Structure formats: C-alpha cells, structure tokens
Amino acid sequence: MDITGKTALVTGANRGLGRQLVAQLCDRGAKVYAGVRNPQSVDLEGVTPIALDITDPTSVATAVDATGDVSILINNAGAHEGSAVLNILSGLSWISFPQAGAYCASKSASWSLTNALRQELAPQGTRVSALHVGYMDTDMVRRIEAPKADPADIARIALDGIEANTYEIIADEPARAVLARLSGGVAALYPQLP
C-alpha cells in the first residue's frame, strides 16, 4: 500500500511509538488524525488531534464521525477499500513469562483476534498486520533494565511493513528469536522446563 495521500488515524498518538508513527506517517505524505484523550497533548505540526478514549463509546462514535475518510487505522478497526489496520503486539504474543502472564495472555489473544480480522476484512480490501517487537525505549518500560529499541526505528519498520503489504512485521531481534523458536514447541520456548 502506498501511504502517500492516504488518511490515517493513530490511537495513543501523543507519545512513544504512537507519536513516532504519527510523525513518520506525515513524513510519508499521509493526512494524520492523532487520537488521544487530551487533544492539547499533540504537539506535531500538520496533524489533526482527535479526542478519543477507546473505552468510551460516545468518544469513539464522535471520533468515527470526525474521521470518516480514514484508510489506515493503527490499533483500531478499518472499513475502506484498500485500507490497512496495524495492531501493535509483541514478541510476547508467542511466549509467556510468569511475571507477565496477564500481559502475555492479552498479546496472545490480540494476535488471535488479528488473525480472525485478517480473514474477516480481507474481502473488503483491508489488510490487517501485526507488529511484533521486544522492549522499546518508552515510558511503559522505563524501569526495566534491558536492551530497548528506539521507537523511531520501530515506527519506520512498521510503516515499511504496511507499505510492503506484510502481515507479520517482525521489528527486532527479540521478536525474531521467539518466532524462530515457536515451531520447536514447548521445549524450544521454555528450555528451563524439565
């Protein structure tokens, strides 16, 4: 999909990966709606802030009315011919850790939903992609001591994946490593088990 001239809506667009996705979509020639709870928090030029709290049905309905020309939806749902949906997942979609069981389960469920949406939306021309990534240098993991990817690099990889019509966008080495072990079953994923 050529992003130039398309209209995109990015939720959680005011910081971290969301902010980088917005900036890079603009750089690639897209018209961008930045969906955030507080529109005043959007500080990027050329972006249209949209008040959006995805847990509030009224907010969602208002945002849908205001952004009817969207053809690229990042972490939401799309419905235009030739459109794209990008779900931000994780290498943890495929592996679980005891300290993060609920988070891993939510990413696994999101991957399953992504696979269902791919099939459901394909007949209308909507490609549903998943971004799998390890730690990024964002507020969410600031207390974790581990190598972290730059959100700007991950945003570039994600948008390159959309443009290349890629279903599974594997953004970094940690996600690639888990994917490589996936076909080896439990023994490959959890070598510490007896």
N, C-alpha and C. Protein backbone atom coordinates (compact mmCIF):
# COMPACT_ATOMS: atom_id res chain seq x y z
N MET A 1 0.84 -1.18 0.00
CA MET A 1 0.00 0.00 0.00
C MET A 1 0.89 1.24 0.00
N ASP A 2 0.62 2.16 -0.87
CA ASP A 2 1.32 3.44 -0.88
C ASP A 2 0.66 4.36 0.14
N ILE A 3 1.43 4.80 1.11
CA ILE A 3 0.91 5.64 2.19
C ILE A 3 0.66 7.08 1.74
N THR A 4 1.39 7.53 0.74
CA THR A 4 1.26 8.91 0.26
C THR A 4 -0.17 9.22 -0.12
N GLY A 5 -0.71 10.31 0.44
CA GLY A 5 -2.06 10.74 0.12
C GLY A 5 -3.16 10.02 0.88
N LYS A 6 -2.82 9.00 1.64
CA LYS A 6 -3.82 8.27 2.43
C LYS A 6 -4.10 9.04 3.73
N THR A 7 -5.21 8.72 4.35
CA THR A 7 -5.57 9.32 5.64
C THR A 7 -5.46 8.25 6.71
N ALA A 8 -4.76 8.59 7.79
CA ALA A 8 -4.51 7.63 8.87
C ALA A 8 -5.05 8.15 10.19
N LEU A 9 -5.47 7.21 11.03
CA LEU A 9 -5.84 7.50 12.42
C LEU A 9 -4.95 6.64 13.30
N VAL A 10 -4.23 7.29 14.20
CA VAL A 10 -3.37 6.59 15.14
C VAL A 10 -3.91 6.85 16.54
N THR A 11 -4.23 5.78 17.27
CA THR A 11 -4.66 5.96 18.66
C THR A 11 -3.43 5.99 19.55
N GLY A 12 -3.55 6.62 20.72
CA GLY A 12 -2.41 6.74 21.62
C GLY A 12 -1.26 7.46 20.94
N ALA A 13 -1.59 8.57 20.28
CA ALA A 13 -0.67 9.21 19.34
C ALA A 13 0.21 10.30 19.92
N ASN A 14 0.15 10.54 21.22
CA ASN A 14 0.86 11.71 21.75
C ASN A 14 2.23 11.40 22.36
N ARG A 15 2.63 10.12 22.43
CA ARG A 15 3.95 9.81 22.98
C ARG A 15 4.41 8.43 22.53
N GLY A 16 5.66 8.13 22.78
CA GLY A 16 6.21 6.81 22.47
C GLY A 16 6.06 6.42 21.02
N LEU A 17 5.74 5.15 20.79
CA LEU A 17 5.61 4.63 19.43
C LEU A 17 4.50 5.34 18.66
N GLY A 18 3.37 5.62 19.31
CA GLY A 18 2.27 6.30 18.63
C GLY A 18 2.70 7.63 18.04
N ARG A 19 3.45 8.40 18.82
CA ARG A 19 3.93 9.70 18.34
C ARG A 19 4.87 9.54 17.16
N GLN A 20 5.74 8.54 17.24
CA GLN A 20 6.66 8.28 16.12
C GLN A 20 5.91 7.84 14.87
N LEU A 21 4.89 7.02 15.03
CA LEU A 21 4.08 6.61 13.88
C LEU A 21 3.41 7.80 13.23
N VAL A 22 2.86 8.70 14.05
CA VAL A 22 2.23 9.91 13.52
C VAL A 22 3.24 10.74 12.73
N ALA A 23 4.40 10.98 13.33
CA ALA A 23 5.42 11.81 12.67
C ALA A 23 5.86 11.19 11.35
N GLN A 24 6.07 9.89 11.35
CA GLN A 24 6.55 9.25 10.13
C GLN A 24 5.47 9.09 9.08
N LEU A 25 4.21 8.93 9.49
CA LEU A 25 3.13 8.94 8.52
C LEU A 25 3.07 10.29 7.81
N CYS A 26 3.22 11.37 8.59
CA CYS A 26 3.24 12.72 8.00
C CYS A 26 4.41 12.85 7.02
N ASP A 27 5.58 12.35 7.44
CA ASP A 27 6.77 12.42 6.57
C ASP A 27 6.56 11.67 5.26
N ARG A 28 5.72 10.64 5.29
CA ARG A 28 5.46 9.84 4.09
C ARG A 28 4.27 10.36 3.28
N GLY A 29 3.75 11.52 3.67
CA GLY A 29 2.72 12.17 2.87
C GLY A 29 1.29 11.81 3.22
N ALA A 30 1.06 11.24 4.39
CA ALA A 30 -0.30 10.92 4.80
C ALA A 30 -0.92 12.10 5.55
N LYS A 31 -2.23 12.18 5.48
CA LYS A 31 -3.01 13.07 6.35
C LYS A 31 -3.23 12.27 7.62
N VAL A 32 -2.96 12.86 8.80
CA VAL A 32 -2.99 12.07 10.03
C VAL A 32 -3.89 12.68 11.09
N TYR A 33 -4.78 11.82 11.62
CA TYR A 33 -5.55 12.14 12.81
C TYR A 33 -4.83 11.48 14.00
N ALA A 34 -4.58 12.27 15.02
CA ALA A 34 -3.93 11.76 16.23
C ALA A 34 -5.00 11.57 17.29
N GLY A 35 -5.39 10.32 17.53
CA GLY A 35 -6.40 10.02 18.53
C GLY A 35 -5.79 9.97 19.92
N VAL A 36 -6.23 10.88 20.77
CA VAL A 36 -5.69 10.98 22.14
C VAL A 36 -6.80 11.41 23.09
N ARG A 37 -6.63 11.12 24.37
CA ARG A 37 -7.62 11.57 25.35
C ARG A 37 -7.61 13.08 25.48
N ASN A 38 -6.43 13.69 25.40
CA ASN A 38 -6.30 15.14 25.55
C ASN A 38 -5.71 15.73 24.27
N PRO A 39 -6.53 16.29 23.38
CA PRO A 39 -6.02 16.82 22.12
C PRO A 39 -4.92 17.88 22.27
N GLN A 40 -4.90 18.59 23.40
CA GLN A 40 -3.86 19.59 23.61
C GLN A 40 -2.48 18.97 23.78
N SER A 41 -2.42 17.67 24.01
CA SER A 41 -1.13 17.00 24.19
C SER A 41 -0.43 16.69 22.87
N VAL A 42 -1.10 16.90 21.75
CA VAL A 42 -0.50 16.65 20.44
C VAL A 42 0.29 17.89 20.03
N ASP A 43 1.60 17.69 19.84
CA ASP A 43 2.47 18.84 19.54
C ASP A 43 3.16 18.74 18.17
N LEU A 44 2.65 17.90 17.28
CA LEU A 44 3.24 17.76 15.96
C LEU A 44 2.49 18.61 14.95
N GLU A 45 3.26 19.32 14.11
CA GLU A 45 2.65 20.16 13.09
C GLU A 45 2.01 19.33 11.99
N GLY A 46 0.92 19.83 11.45
CA GLY A 46 0.26 19.19 10.33
C GLY A 46 -0.61 18.01 10.70
N VAL A 47 -0.81 17.79 11.98
CA VAL A 47 -1.59 16.66 12.48
C VAL A 47 -2.91 17.19 13.02
N THR A 48 -3.98 16.44 12.81
CA THR A 48 -5.28 16.82 13.35
C THR A 48 -5.55 16.02 14.62
N PRO A 49 -5.50 16.67 15.79
CA PRO A 49 -5.80 15.95 17.03
C PRO A 49 -7.30 15.63 17.11
N ILE A 50 -7.59 14.43 17.57
CA ILE A 50 -8.97 13.97 17.75
C ILE A 50 -9.10 13.44 19.17
N ALA A 51 -10.09 13.97 19.90
CA ALA A 51 -10.36 13.46 21.24
C ALA A 51 -10.89 12.03 21.10
N LEU A 52 -10.18 11.07 21.69
CA LEU A 52 -10.58 9.68 21.54
C LEU A 52 -10.15 8.88 22.77
N ASP A 53 -11.14 8.38 23.46
CA ASP A 53 -10.92 7.43 24.55
C ASP A 53 -11.63 6.16 24.13
N ILE A 54 -10.86 5.14 23.74
CA ILE A 54 -11.48 3.94 23.17
C ILE A 54 -12.32 3.16 24.16
N THR A 55 -12.28 3.53 25.44
CA THR A 55 -13.14 2.87 26.43
C THR A 55 -14.48 3.57 26.57
N ASP A 56 -14.67 4.68 25.87
CA ASP A 56 -15.90 5.47 25.96
C ASP A 56 -16.63 5.42 24.61
N PRO A 57 -17.76 4.70 24.53
CA PRO A 57 -18.47 4.56 23.25
C PRO A 57 -18.86 5.89 22.61
N THR A 58 -19.20 6.88 23.41
CA THR A 58 -19.55 8.19 22.86
C THR A 58 -18.34 8.83 22.20
N SER A 59 -17.19 8.74 22.85
CA SER A 59 -15.95 9.27 22.30
C SER A 59 -15.60 8.58 20.98
N VAL A 60 -15.76 7.27 20.95
CA VAL A 60 -15.47 6.51 19.73
C VAL A 60 -16.40 6.94 18.60
N ALA A 61 -17.69 7.05 18.89
CA ALA A 61 -18.67 7.46 17.87
C ALA A 61 -18.36 8.85 17.34
N THR A 62 -18.00 9.77 18.22
CA THR A 62 -17.65 11.13 17.81
C THR A 62 -16.41 11.12 16.93
N ALA A 63 -15.41 10.32 17.31
CA ALA A 63 -14.18 10.23 16.51
C ALA A 63 -14.46 9.62 15.14
N VAL A 64 -15.30 8.62 15.09
CA VAL A 64 -15.66 8.00 13.81
C VAL A 64 -16.31 9.03 12.89
N ASP A 65 -17.23 9.81 13.43
CA ASP A 65 -17.89 10.86 12.64
C ASP A 65 -16.89 11.88 12.12
N ALA A 66 -15.88 12.20 12.92
CA ALA A 66 -14.91 13.24 12.54
C ALA A 66 -13.83 12.73 11.59
N THR A 67 -13.67 11.41 11.50
CA THR A 67 -12.56 10.85 10.71
C THR A 67 -13.06 9.86 9.67
N GLY A 68 -14.12 10.16 9.01
CA GLY A 68 -14.73 9.23 8.07
C GLY A 68 -13.91 8.87 6.86
N ASP A 69 -12.84 9.62 6.59
CA ASP A 69 -12.04 9.35 5.40
C ASP A 69 -10.79 8.52 5.68
N VAL A 70 -10.73 7.84 6.82
CA VAL A 70 -9.56 7.06 7.22
C VAL A 70 -9.42 5.81 6.37
N SER A 71 -8.19 5.57 5.87
CA SER A 71 -7.90 4.32 5.17
C SER A 71 -6.78 3.53 5.83
N ILE A 72 -6.07 4.12 6.79
CA ILE A 72 -5.08 3.40 7.59
C ILE A 72 -5.42 3.64 9.05
N LEU A 73 -5.75 2.57 9.75
CA LEU A 73 -6.09 2.64 11.16
C LEU A 73 -5.03 1.89 11.93
N ILE A 74 -4.38 2.54 12.87
CA ILE A 74 -3.36 1.88 13.66
C ILE A 74 -3.92 1.62 15.05
N ASN A 75 -4.14 0.34 15.32
CA ASN A 75 -4.66 -0.18 16.58
C ASN A 75 -6.13 0.17 16.79
N ASN A 76 -6.91 0.02 15.75
CA ASN A 76 -8.35 0.21 15.80
C ASN A 76 -8.95 -0.64 14.69
N ALA A 77 -10.09 -0.27 14.13
CA ALA A 77 -10.70 -1.07 13.05
C ALA A 77 -10.89 -0.22 11.81
N GLY A 78 -10.71 -0.81 10.63
CA GLY A 78 -10.85 -0.07 9.38
C GLY A 78 -11.95 -0.63 8.52
N ALA A 79 -12.45 0.15 7.56
CA ALA A 79 -13.54 -0.33 6.70
C ALA A 79 -13.54 0.24 5.31
N HIS A 80 -12.44 0.82 4.84
CA HIS A 80 -12.38 1.34 3.47
C HIS A 80 -11.67 0.35 2.57
N GLU A 81 -12.06 0.33 1.29
CA GLU A 81 -11.37 -0.49 0.31
C GLU A 81 -9.92 -0.03 0.22
N GLY A 82 -9.00 -0.97 0.16
CA GLY A 82 -7.60 -0.62 0.09
C GLY A 82 -7.10 -0.02 1.39
N SER A 83 -7.59 -0.50 2.52
CA SER A 83 -7.20 0.07 3.81
C SER A 83 -6.31 -0.89 4.57
N ALA A 84 -5.77 -0.39 5.68
CA ALA A 84 -4.87 -1.20 6.49
C ALA A 84 -5.16 -0.98 7.96
N VAL A 85 -4.97 -2.04 8.74
CA VAL A 85 -5.05 -1.98 10.19
C VAL A 85 -3.72 -2.53 10.70
N LEU A 86 -3.10 -1.83 11.64
CA LEU A 86 -1.88 -2.31 12.27
C LEU A 86 -2.15 -2.47 13.76
N ASN A 87 -2.03 -3.71 14.22
CA ASN A 87 -2.16 -3.98 15.65
C ASN A 87 -0.76 -4.08 16.25
N ILE A 88 -0.52 -3.29 17.29
CA ILE A 88 0.78 -3.29 17.96
C ILE A 88 0.78 -4.44 18.96
N LEU A 89 1.55 -5.48 18.66
CA LEU A 89 1.61 -6.65 19.52
C LEU A 89 3.00 -6.73 20.14
N SER A 90 3.56 -7.91 20.23
CA SER A 90 4.81 -8.09 20.94
C SER A 90 5.36 -9.46 20.61
N GLY A 91 6.65 -9.65 20.86
CA GLY A 91 7.20 -11.00 20.83
C GLY A 91 6.51 -11.86 21.87
N LEU A 92 5.90 -11.22 22.87
CA LEU A 92 5.18 -11.95 23.92
C LEU A 92 3.84 -12.48 23.43
N SER A 93 3.50 -12.25 22.17
CA SER A 93 2.32 -12.87 21.58
C SER A 93 2.52 -14.38 21.49
N TRP A 94 3.79 -14.81 21.48
CA TRP A 94 4.12 -16.22 21.24
C TRP A 94 4.80 -16.92 22.41
N ILE A 95 5.08 -16.21 23.48
CA ILE A 95 5.76 -16.81 24.63
C ILE A 95 5.22 -16.15 25.90
N SER A 96 5.25 -16.88 27.00
CA SER A 96 4.73 -16.32 28.26
C SER A 96 5.77 -16.42 29.36
N PHE A 97 5.73 -15.44 30.26
CA PHE A 97 6.61 -15.40 31.42
C PHE A 97 5.75 -15.27 32.67
N PRO A 98 6.11 -15.97 33.76
CA PRO A 98 5.29 -15.94 34.97
C PRO A 98 5.04 -14.53 35.50
N GLN A 99 6.01 -13.64 35.44
CA GLN A 99 5.85 -12.29 35.99
C GLN A 99 4.97 -11.40 35.13
N ALA A 100 4.70 -11.83 33.91
CA ALA A 100 3.91 -11.01 32.98
C ALA A 100 2.81 -11.84 32.33
N GLY A 101 2.28 -12.80 33.05
CA GLY A 101 1.30 -13.72 32.48
C GLY A 101 0.08 -13.05 31.87
N ALA A 102 -0.50 -12.10 32.58
CA ALA A 102 -1.70 -11.42 32.06
C ALA A 102 -1.36 -10.62 30.80
N TYR A 103 -0.21 -9.94 30.80
CA TYR A 103 0.19 -9.16 29.63
C TYR A 103 0.42 -10.10 28.44
N CYS A 104 1.14 -11.20 28.67
CA CYS A 104 1.39 -12.17 27.60
C CYS A 104 0.08 -12.74 27.06
N ALA A 105 -0.84 -13.06 27.96
CA ALA A 105 -2.13 -13.60 27.53
C ALA A 105 -2.89 -12.58 26.68
N SER A 106 -2.83 -11.31 27.06
CA SER A 106 -3.54 -10.29 26.28
C SER A 106 -2.92 -10.14 24.89
N LYS A 107 -1.60 -10.24 24.79
CA LYS A 107 -0.95 -10.15 23.48
C LYS A 107 -1.25 -11.38 22.63
N SER A 108 -1.29 -12.56 23.27
CA SER A 108 -1.67 -13.77 22.54
C SER A 108 -3.10 -13.68 22.02
N ALA A 109 -3.99 -13.19 22.86
CA ALA A 109 -5.39 -13.01 22.44
C ALA A 109 -5.49 -11.97 21.32
N SER A 110 -4.69 -10.92 21.41
CA SER A 110 -4.70 -9.89 20.37
C SER A 110 -4.20 -10.45 19.04
N TRP A 111 -3.20 -11.34 19.11
CA TRP A 111 -2.71 -11.96 17.88
C TRP A 111 -3.79 -12.85 17.28
N SER A 112 -4.50 -13.60 18.12
CA SER A 112 -5.60 -14.43 17.64
C SER A 112 -6.69 -13.58 16.99
N LEU A 113 -7.04 -12.48 17.63
CA LEU A 113 -8.04 -11.57 17.06
C LEU A 113 -7.54 -10.98 15.74
N THR A 114 -6.26 -10.64 15.69
CA THR A 114 -5.67 -10.11 14.46
C THR A 114 -5.83 -11.13 13.33
N ASN A 115 -5.56 -12.40 13.62
CA ASN A 115 -5.71 -13.44 12.60
C ASN A 115 -7.15 -13.58 12.13
N ALA A 116 -8.10 -13.47 13.06
CA ALA A 116 -9.51 -13.53 12.68
C ALA A 116 -9.90 -12.33 11.84
N LEU A 117 -9.45 -11.14 12.24
CA LEU A 117 -9.77 -9.92 11.48
C LEU A 117 -9.17 -9.95 10.08
N ARG A 118 -7.99 -10.54 9.94
CA ARG A 118 -7.38 -10.66 8.60
C ARG A 118 -8.34 -11.36 7.65
N GLN A 119 -8.91 -12.44 8.11
CA GLN A 119 -9.81 -13.22 7.27
C GLN A 119 -11.14 -12.50 7.06
N GLU A 120 -11.63 -11.85 8.10
CA GLU A 120 -12.92 -11.18 8.02
C GLU A 120 -12.87 -9.94 7.12
N LEU A 121 -11.78 -9.19 7.19
CA LEU A 121 -11.70 -7.91 6.47
C LEU A 121 -11.05 -8.02 5.09
N ALA A 122 -10.38 -9.13 4.80
CA ALA A 122 -9.71 -9.28 3.51
C ALA A 122 -10.66 -9.11 2.32
N PRO A 123 -11.90 -9.66 2.35
CA PRO A 123 -12.78 -9.50 1.20
C PRO A 123 -13.11 -8.05 0.86
N GLN A 124 -13.03 -7.14 1.84
CA GLN A 124 -13.31 -5.73 1.54
C GLN A 124 -12.04 -4.95 1.19
N GLY A 125 -10.90 -5.66 1.13
CA GLY A 125 -9.66 -5.00 0.74
C GLY A 125 -8.88 -4.40 1.89
N THR A 126 -9.17 -4.81 3.12
CA THR A 126 -8.44 -4.31 4.28
C THR A 126 -7.40 -5.34 4.70
N ARG A 127 -6.14 -4.92 4.72
CA ARG A 127 -5.05 -5.78 5.17
C ARG A 127 -4.82 -5.51 6.65
N VAL A 128 -4.81 -6.57 7.45
CA VAL A 128 -4.58 -6.45 8.89
C VAL A 128 -3.20 -7.00 9.20
N SER A 129 -2.34 -6.13 9.70
CA SER A 129 -0.97 -6.50 10.03
C SER A 129 -0.75 -6.47 11.53
N ALA A 130 0.25 -7.23 11.96
CA ALA A 130 0.63 -7.24 13.38
C ALA A 130 2.09 -6.86 13.48
N LEU A 131 2.40 -5.96 14.39
CA LEU A 131 3.77 -5.58 14.68
C LEU A 131 4.22 -6.32 15.93
N HIS A 132 5.26 -7.11 15.80
CA HIS A 132 5.82 -7.85 16.93
C HIS A 132 7.17 -7.23 17.27
N VAL A 133 7.32 -6.82 18.50
CA VAL A 133 8.52 -6.10 18.92
C VAL A 133 8.85 -6.45 20.36
N GLY A 134 10.10 -6.35 20.72
CA GLY A 134 10.51 -6.54 22.11
C GLY A 134 10.37 -5.23 22.87
N TYR A 135 11.31 -4.94 23.74
CA TYR A 135 11.24 -3.69 24.51
C TYR A 135 11.60 -2.49 23.63
N MET A 136 10.83 -1.43 23.81
CA MET A 136 11.14 -0.14 23.18
C MET A 136 11.42 0.87 24.28
N ASP A 137 12.21 1.86 23.98
CA ASP A 137 12.57 2.87 24.95
C ASP A 137 11.41 3.86 25.12
N THR A 138 10.40 3.44 25.88
CA THR A 138 9.20 4.25 26.12
C THR A 138 8.93 4.31 27.63
N ASP A 139 7.99 5.14 28.00
CA ASP A 139 7.62 5.27 29.41
C ASP A 139 7.15 3.94 30.00
N MET A 140 6.51 3.11 29.20
CA MET A 140 5.94 1.86 29.71
C MET A 140 7.00 0.95 30.35
N VAL A 141 8.20 0.96 29.81
CA VAL A 141 9.24 0.05 30.31
C VAL A 141 10.47 0.79 30.83
N ARG A 142 10.29 2.01 31.24
CA ARG A 142 11.45 2.81 31.67
C ARG A 142 12.17 2.20 32.87
N ARG A 143 11.50 1.42 33.69
CA ARG A 143 12.13 0.83 34.88
C ARG A 143 12.78 -0.52 34.60
N ILE A 144 12.62 -1.03 33.41
CA ILE A 144 13.19 -2.34 33.06
C ILE A 144 14.58 -2.13 32.50
N GLU A 145 15.52 -2.87 33.06
CA GLU A 145 16.91 -2.81 32.58
C GLU A 145 17.11 -3.92 31.54
N ALA A 146 17.07 -3.54 30.30
CA ALA A 146 17.26 -4.48 29.19
C ALA A 146 17.50 -3.65 27.93
N PRO A 147 18.08 -4.25 26.91
CA PRO A 147 18.22 -3.53 25.64
C PRO A 147 16.84 -3.11 25.13
N LYS A 148 16.77 -1.88 24.61
CA LYS A 148 15.50 -1.34 24.13
C LYS A 148 15.69 -0.71 22.75
N ALA A 149 14.73 -0.94 21.89
CA ALA A 149 14.74 -0.36 20.55
C ALA A 149 14.27 1.09 20.61
N ASP A 150 14.72 1.88 19.67
CA ASP A 150 14.28 3.26 19.53
C ASP A 150 12.90 3.26 18.87
N PRO A 151 11.90 3.90 19.49
CA PRO A 151 10.55 3.92 18.89
C PRO A 151 10.54 4.48 17.46
N ALA A 152 11.45 5.40 17.15
CA ALA A 152 11.50 5.93 15.78
C ALA A 152 11.88 4.83 14.78
N ASP A 153 12.81 3.96 15.17
CA ASP A 153 13.18 2.84 14.29
C ASP A 153 12.02 1.87 14.13
N ILE A 154 11.33 1.59 15.23
CA ILE A 154 10.21 0.65 15.18
C ILE A 154 9.07 1.23 14.33
N ALA A 155 8.82 2.52 14.46
CA ALA A 155 7.78 3.17 13.63
C ALA A 155 8.12 3.05 12.16
N ARG A 156 9.39 3.27 11.80
CA ARG A 156 9.82 3.15 10.41
C ARG A 156 9.61 1.72 9.90
N ILE A 157 10.01 0.75 10.71
CA ILE A 157 9.84 -0.66 10.33
C ILE A 157 8.35 -0.99 10.16
N ALA A 158 7.52 -0.50 11.06
CA ALA A 158 6.08 -0.75 10.99
C ALA A 158 5.48 -0.18 9.70
N LEU A 159 5.82 1.05 9.39
CA LEU A 159 5.26 1.68 8.19
C LEU A 159 5.82 1.06 6.92
N ASP A 160 7.11 0.67 6.94
CA ASP A 160 7.66 -0.07 5.80
C ASP A 160 6.88 -1.37 5.59
N GLY A 161 6.51 -2.02 6.69
CA GLY A 161 5.73 -3.26 6.61
C GLY A 161 4.35 -3.03 6.01
N ILE A 162 3.71 -1.94 6.40
CA ILE A 162 2.39 -1.61 5.81
C ILE A 162 2.55 -1.37 4.31
N GLU A 163 3.56 -0.60 3.94
CA GLU A 163 3.77 -0.31 2.52
C GLU A 163 4.10 -1.57 1.72
N ALA A 164 4.75 -2.54 2.36
CA ALA A 164 5.11 -3.79 1.68
C ALA A 164 4.00 -4.84 1.76
N ASN A 165 2.85 -4.48 2.34
CA ASN A 165 1.72 -5.41 2.49
C ASN A 165 2.09 -6.66 3.29
N THR A 166 2.84 -6.46 4.36
CA THR A 166 3.30 -7.56 5.20
C THR A 166 2.27 -7.84 6.29
N TYR A 167 1.95 -9.12 6.48
CA TYR A 167 1.01 -9.48 7.54
C TYR A 167 1.67 -9.46 8.91
N GLU A 168 2.83 -10.08 9.03
CA GLU A 168 3.54 -10.15 10.30
C GLU A 168 4.80 -9.30 10.18
N ILE A 169 4.87 -8.21 10.90
CA ILE A 169 6.02 -7.32 10.87
C ILE A 169 6.86 -7.62 12.11
N ILE A 170 8.00 -8.24 11.89
CA ILE A 170 8.88 -8.65 12.98
C ILE A 170 9.95 -7.55 13.09
N ALA A 171 9.84 -6.75 14.16
CA ALA A 171 10.57 -5.48 14.20
C ALA A 171 11.97 -5.55 14.77
N ASP A 172 12.29 -6.57 15.54
CA ASP A 172 13.61 -6.57 16.18
C ASP A 172 14.06 -8.00 16.47
N GLU A 173 15.30 -8.11 16.94
CA GLU A 173 15.88 -9.43 17.19
C GLU A 173 15.15 -10.22 18.27
N PRO A 174 14.72 -9.60 19.40
CA PRO A 174 13.98 -10.40 20.38
C PRO A 174 12.72 -11.04 19.80
N ALA A 175 11.97 -10.32 19.00
CA ALA A 175 10.76 -10.90 18.38
C ALA A 175 11.13 -11.99 17.38
N ARG A 176 12.20 -11.75 16.59
CA ARG A 176 12.65 -12.77 15.63
C ARG A 176 13.08 -14.06 16.34
N ALA A 177 13.76 -13.91 17.49
CA ALA A 177 14.24 -15.07 18.23
C ALA A 177 13.08 -15.92 18.74
N VAL A 178 12.06 -15.27 19.27
CA VAL A 178 10.89 -16.02 19.75
C VAL A 178 10.19 -16.70 18.59
N LEU A 179 10.00 -15.99 17.49
CA LEU A 179 9.34 -16.59 16.32
C LEU A 179 10.12 -17.81 15.82
N ALA A 180 11.45 -17.73 15.82
CA ALA A 180 12.27 -18.85 15.35
C ALA A 180 12.09 -20.08 16.23
N ARG A 181 11.86 -19.87 17.52
CA ARG A 181 11.70 -21.00 18.44
C ARG A 181 10.27 -21.54 18.47
N LEU A 182 9.32 -20.81 17.92
CA LEU A 182 7.91 -21.17 18.02
C LEU A 182 7.63 -22.56 17.45
N SER A 183 8.21 -22.90 16.32
CA SER A 183 7.93 -24.20 15.71
C SER A 183 8.57 -25.36 16.48
N GLY A 184 9.47 -25.04 17.41
CA GLY A 184 10.10 -26.08 18.22
C GLY A 184 9.26 -26.51 19.40
N GLY A 185 8.12 -25.88 19.60
CA GLY A 185 7.21 -26.26 20.67
C GLY A 185 7.70 -25.84 22.05
N VAL A 186 7.15 -26.48 23.06
CA VAL A 186 7.41 -26.11 24.46
C VAL A 186 8.91 -26.22 24.77
N ALA A 187 9.57 -27.28 24.29
CA ALA A 187 10.99 -27.47 24.60
C ALA A 187 11.85 -26.32 24.08
N ALA A 188 11.53 -25.78 22.92
CA ALA A 188 12.30 -24.67 22.37
C ALA A 188 11.97 -23.34 23.04
N LEU A 189 10.71 -23.16 23.38
CA LEU A 189 10.28 -21.91 24.01
C LEU A 189 10.67 -21.81 25.49
N TYR A 190 10.62 -22.95 26.17
CA TYR A 190 10.89 -22.96 27.61
C TYR A 190 11.95 -24.00 27.96
N PRO A 191 13.19 -23.80 27.54
CA PRO A 191 14.23 -24.82 27.75
C PRO A 191 14.52 -25.09 29.25
N GLN A 192 14.11 -24.20 30.12
CA GLN A 192 14.34 -24.39 31.55
C GLN A 192 13.42 -25.45 32.16
N LEU A 193 12.37 -25.85 31.45
CA LEU A 193 11.46 -26.86 31.97
C LEU A 193 12.11 -28.24 31.90
N PRO A 194 11.86 -29.10 32.91
CA PRO A 194 12.47 -30.43 32.90
C PRO A 194 11.86 -31.33 31.82
